[in-house]
């Protein structure tokens, strides 16, 4: 059996023997290959998207994330084009951690 042909074949057309052969041998081929470096993860995790992304970043609910966004504390980290919200995660955390104002 050729693994390349089995990978092209739909799962519903495979016999049990073909499926078992593929599941046992595909993992061996991918482990033997050179491991990928995650250079994209550092840039991909730098931004969060939308109110759900802000909520996940700060560990709060979506209404609270909306309040944080509207408060203006993290405005320098936010880019909004229409309805799309893009937030620089590192900058937002830094800006939210700064103490401004307060009682005298």
C-alpha atoms as a PDB file:
ATOM      1  CA  UNK A   1       0.000   0.000   0.000  1.00  0.00           C
ATOM      2  CA  UNK A   2       1.205   3.457  -0.900  1.00  0.00           C
ATOM      3  CA  UNK A   3       0.677   6.102   1.790  1.00  0.00           C
ATOM      4  CA  UNK A   4       0.433   8.943  -0.728  1.00  0.00           C
ATOM      5  CA  UNK A   5      -2.450   7.188  -2.522  1.00  0.00           C
ATOM      6  CA  UNK A   6      -4.203   6.434   0.760  1.00  0.00           C
ATOM      7  CA  UNK A   7      -3.956  10.050   1.855  1.00  0.00           C
ATOM      8  CA  UNK A   8      -5.752  11.103  -1.328  1.00  0.00           C
ATOM      9  CA  UNK A   9      -8.513   8.506  -0.866  1.00  0.00           C
ATOM     10  CA  UNK A  10     -11.658   9.610   1.022  1.00  0.00           C
ATOM     11  CA  UNK A  11     -12.106   7.963   4.398  1.00  0.00           C
ATOM     12  CA  UNK A  12     -15.476   6.479   3.513  1.00  0.00           C
ATOM     13  CA  UNK A  13     -13.910   4.589   0.589  1.00  0.00           C
ATOM     14  CA  UNK A  14     -11.147   2.969   2.677  1.00  0.00           C
ATOM     15  CA  UNK A  15     -11.315  -0.558   3.936  1.00  0.00           C
ATOM     16  CA  UNK A  16     -10.594  -1.244   7.586  1.00  0.00           C
ATOM     17  CA  UNK A  17      -7.188  -2.648   6.672  1.00  0.00           C
ATOM     18  CA  UNK A  18      -6.248   0.474   4.682  1.00  0.00           C
ATOM     19  CA  UNK A  19      -7.364   2.775   7.481  1.00  0.00           C
ATOM     20  CA  UNK A  20      -5.401   0.854  10.126  1.00  0.00           C
ATOM     21  CA  UNK A  21      -2.287   0.809   7.913  1.00  0.00           C
ATOM     22  CA  UNK A  22      -2.578   4.551   7.312  1.00  0.00           C
ATOM     23  CA  UNK A  23      -3.145   5.404  10.965  1.00  0.00           C
ATOM     24  CA  UNK A  24      -0.147   3.315  12.051  1.00  0.00           C
ATOM     25  CA  UNK A  25       2.276   4.554   9.397  1.00  0.00           C
ATOM     26  CA  UNK A  26       1.448   8.227   8.913  1.00  0.00           C
ATOM     27  CA  UNK A  27       2.556   9.127  12.456  1.00  0.00           C
ATOM     28  CA  UNK A  28       5.936   7.513  11.875  1.00  0.00           C
ATOM     29  CA  UNK A  29       6.556   9.579   8.737  1.00  0.00           C
ATOM     30  CA  UNK A  30       5.659  12.890  10.369  1.00  0.00           C
ATOM     31  CA  UNK A  31       7.832  12.192  13.431  1.00  0.00           C
ATOM     32  CA  UNK A  32      10.827  11.449  11.247  1.00  0.00           C
ATOM     33  CA  UNK A  33      10.591  14.845   9.560  1.00  0.00           C
ATOM     34  CA  UNK A  34      12.398  17.879  10.892  1.00  0.00           C
ATOM     35  CA  UNK A  35      10.373  19.632  13.604  1.00  0.00           C
ATOM     36  CA  UNK A  36       8.909  22.969  12.615  1.00  0.00           C
ATOM     37  CA  UNK A  37       9.951  26.101  14.433  1.00  0.00           C
ATOM     38  CA  UNK A  38       7.110  28.211  15.729  1.00  0.00           C
ATOM     39  CA  UNK A  39       8.254  31.595  14.530  1.00  0.00           C
ATOM     40  CA  UNK A  40       4.718  32.461  13.495  1.00  0.00           C
ATOM     41  CA  UNK A  41       3.329  31.815  16.990  1.00  0.00           C
ATOM     42  CA  UNK A  42       5.172  34.779  18.441  1.00  0.00           C
ATOM     43  CA  UNK A  43       3.641  37.159  15.924  1.00  0.00           C
ATOM     44  CA  UNK A  44       0.254  35.470  15.826  1.00  0.00           C
ATOM     45  CA  UNK A  45      -0.172  35.572  19.586  1.00  0.00           C
ATOM     46  CA  UNK A  46       0.757  39.264  19.640  1.00  0.00           C
ATOM     47  CA  UNK A  47      -2.698  40.334  18.515  1.00  0.00           C
ATOM     48  CA  UNK A  48      -6.206  39.492  19.716  1.00  0.00           C
ATOM     49  CA  UNK A  49      -9.340  40.188  17.746  1.00  0.00           C
ATOM     50  CA  UNK A  50     -12.696  41.524  18.838  1.00  0.00           C
ATOM     51  CA  UNK A  51     -14.300  41.891  22.238  1.00  0.00           C
ATOM     52  CA  UNK A  52     -13.975  38.151  22.778  1.00  0.00           C
ATOM     53  CA  UNK A  53     -10.220  38.472  22.323  1.00  0.00           C
ATOM     54  CA  UNK A  54     -10.045  41.328  24.835  1.00  0.00           C
ATOM     55  CA  UNK A  55     -12.138  39.296  27.283  1.00  0.00           C
ATOM     56  CA  UNK A  56      -9.837  36.307  26.915  1.00  0.00           C
ATOM     57  CA  UNK A  57      -6.736  38.499  27.280  1.00  0.00           C
ATOM     58  CA  UNK A  58      -7.910  40.076  30.532  1.00  0.00           C
ATOM     59  CA  UNK A  59      -9.796  37.005  31.780  1.00  0.00           C
ATOM     60  CA  UNK A  60     -13.133  38.763  32.081  1.00  0.00           C
ATOM     61  CA  UNK A  61     -16.600  38.674  30.544  1.00  0.00           C
ATOM     62  CA  UNK A  62     -17.475  40.276  27.221  1.00  0.00           C
ATOM     63  CA  UNK A  63     -19.485  43.135  28.829  1.00  0.00           C
ATOM     64  CA  UNK A  64     -16.495  43.911  31.069  1.00  0.00           C
ATOM     65  CA  UNK A  65     -14.194  43.799  28.029  1.00  0.00           C
ATOM     66  CA  UNK A  66     -16.500  46.312  26.363  1.00  0.00           C
ATOM     67  CA  UNK A  67     -16.220  48.574  29.420  1.00  0.00           C
ATOM     68  CA  UNK A  68     -12.423  48.282  29.349  1.00  0.00           C
ATOM     69  CA  UNK A  69     -12.404  49.214  25.657  1.00  0.00           C
ATOM     70  CA  UNK A  70     -14.767  52.168  26.152  1.00  0.00           C
ATOM     71  CA  UNK A  71     -12.832  53.458  29.179  1.00  0.00           C
ATOM     72  CA  UNK A  72     -10.013  54.594  26.892  1.00  0.00           C
ATOM     73  CA  UNK A  73      -7.244  53.002  28.951  1.00  0.00           C
ATOM     74  CA  UNK A  74      -6.108  50.737  26.117  1.00  0.00           C
ATOM     75  CA  UNK A  75      -6.896  53.049  23.183  1.00  0.00           C
ATOM     76  CA  UNK A  76      -3.253  53.126  22.040  1.00  0.00           C
ATOM     77  CA  UNK A  77      -3.307  49.343  21.632  1.00  0.00           C
ATOM     78  CA  UNK A  78      -6.566  49.233  19.648  1.00  0.00           C
ATOM     79  CA  UNK A  79      -6.973  49.546  15.894  1.00  0.00           C
ATOM     80  CA  UNK A  80     -10.595  49.500  14.774  1.00  0.00           C
ATOM     81  CA  UNK A  81     -11.679  49.459  11.155  1.00  0.00           C
ATOM     82  CA  UNK A  82     -15.439  49.379  10.909  1.00  0.00           C
ATOM     83  CA  UNK A  83     -16.534  46.528  13.130  1.00  0.00           C
ATOM     84  CA  UNK A  84     -13.183  44.749  13.181  1.00  0.00           C
ATOM     85  CA  UNK A  85     -11.215  45.298  16.391  1.00  0.00           C
ATOM     86  CA  UNK A  86      -7.496  44.434  16.451  1.00  0.00           C
ATOM     87  CA  UNK A  87      -5.679  44.737  19.781  1.00  0.00           C
ATOM     88  CA  UNK A  88      -1.932  44.543  20.402  1.00  0.00           C
ATOM     89  CA  UNK A  89      -1.993  42.182  23.399  1.00  0.00           C
ATOM     90  CA  UNK A  90       1.347  43.141  24.951  1.00  0.00           C
ATOM     91  CA  UNK A  91       0.688  46.867  24.732  1.00  0.00           C
ATOM     92  CA  UNK A  92      -2.865  46.481  26.059  1.00  0.00           C
ATOM     93  CA  UNK A  93      -1.654  44.568  29.113  1.00  0.00           C
ATOM     94  CA  UNK A  94       1.038  47.176  29.726  1.00  0.00           C
ATOM     95  CA  UNK A  95      -1.419  50.078  29.412  1.00  0.00           C
ATOM     96  CA  UNK A  96      -4.000  48.410  31.634  1.00  0.00           C
ATOM     97  CA  UNK A  97      -1.360  47.809  34.309  1.00  0.00           C
ATOM     98  CA  UNK A  98      -0.416  51.477  34.553  1.00  0.00           C
ATOM     99  CA  UNK A  99      -2.069  53.402  37.331  1.00  0.00           C
ATOM    100  CA  UNK A 100      -3.570  56.704  36.243  1.00  0.00           C
ATOM    101  CA  UNK A 101      -5.584  59.158  38.277  1.00  0.00           C
ATOM    102  CA  UNK A 102      -7.003  57.946  41.548  1.00  0.00           C
ATOM    103  CA  UNK A 103      -7.643  59.678  44.863  1.00  0.00           C
ATOM    104  CA  UNK A 104      -5.483  62.436  46.247  1.00  0.00           C
END
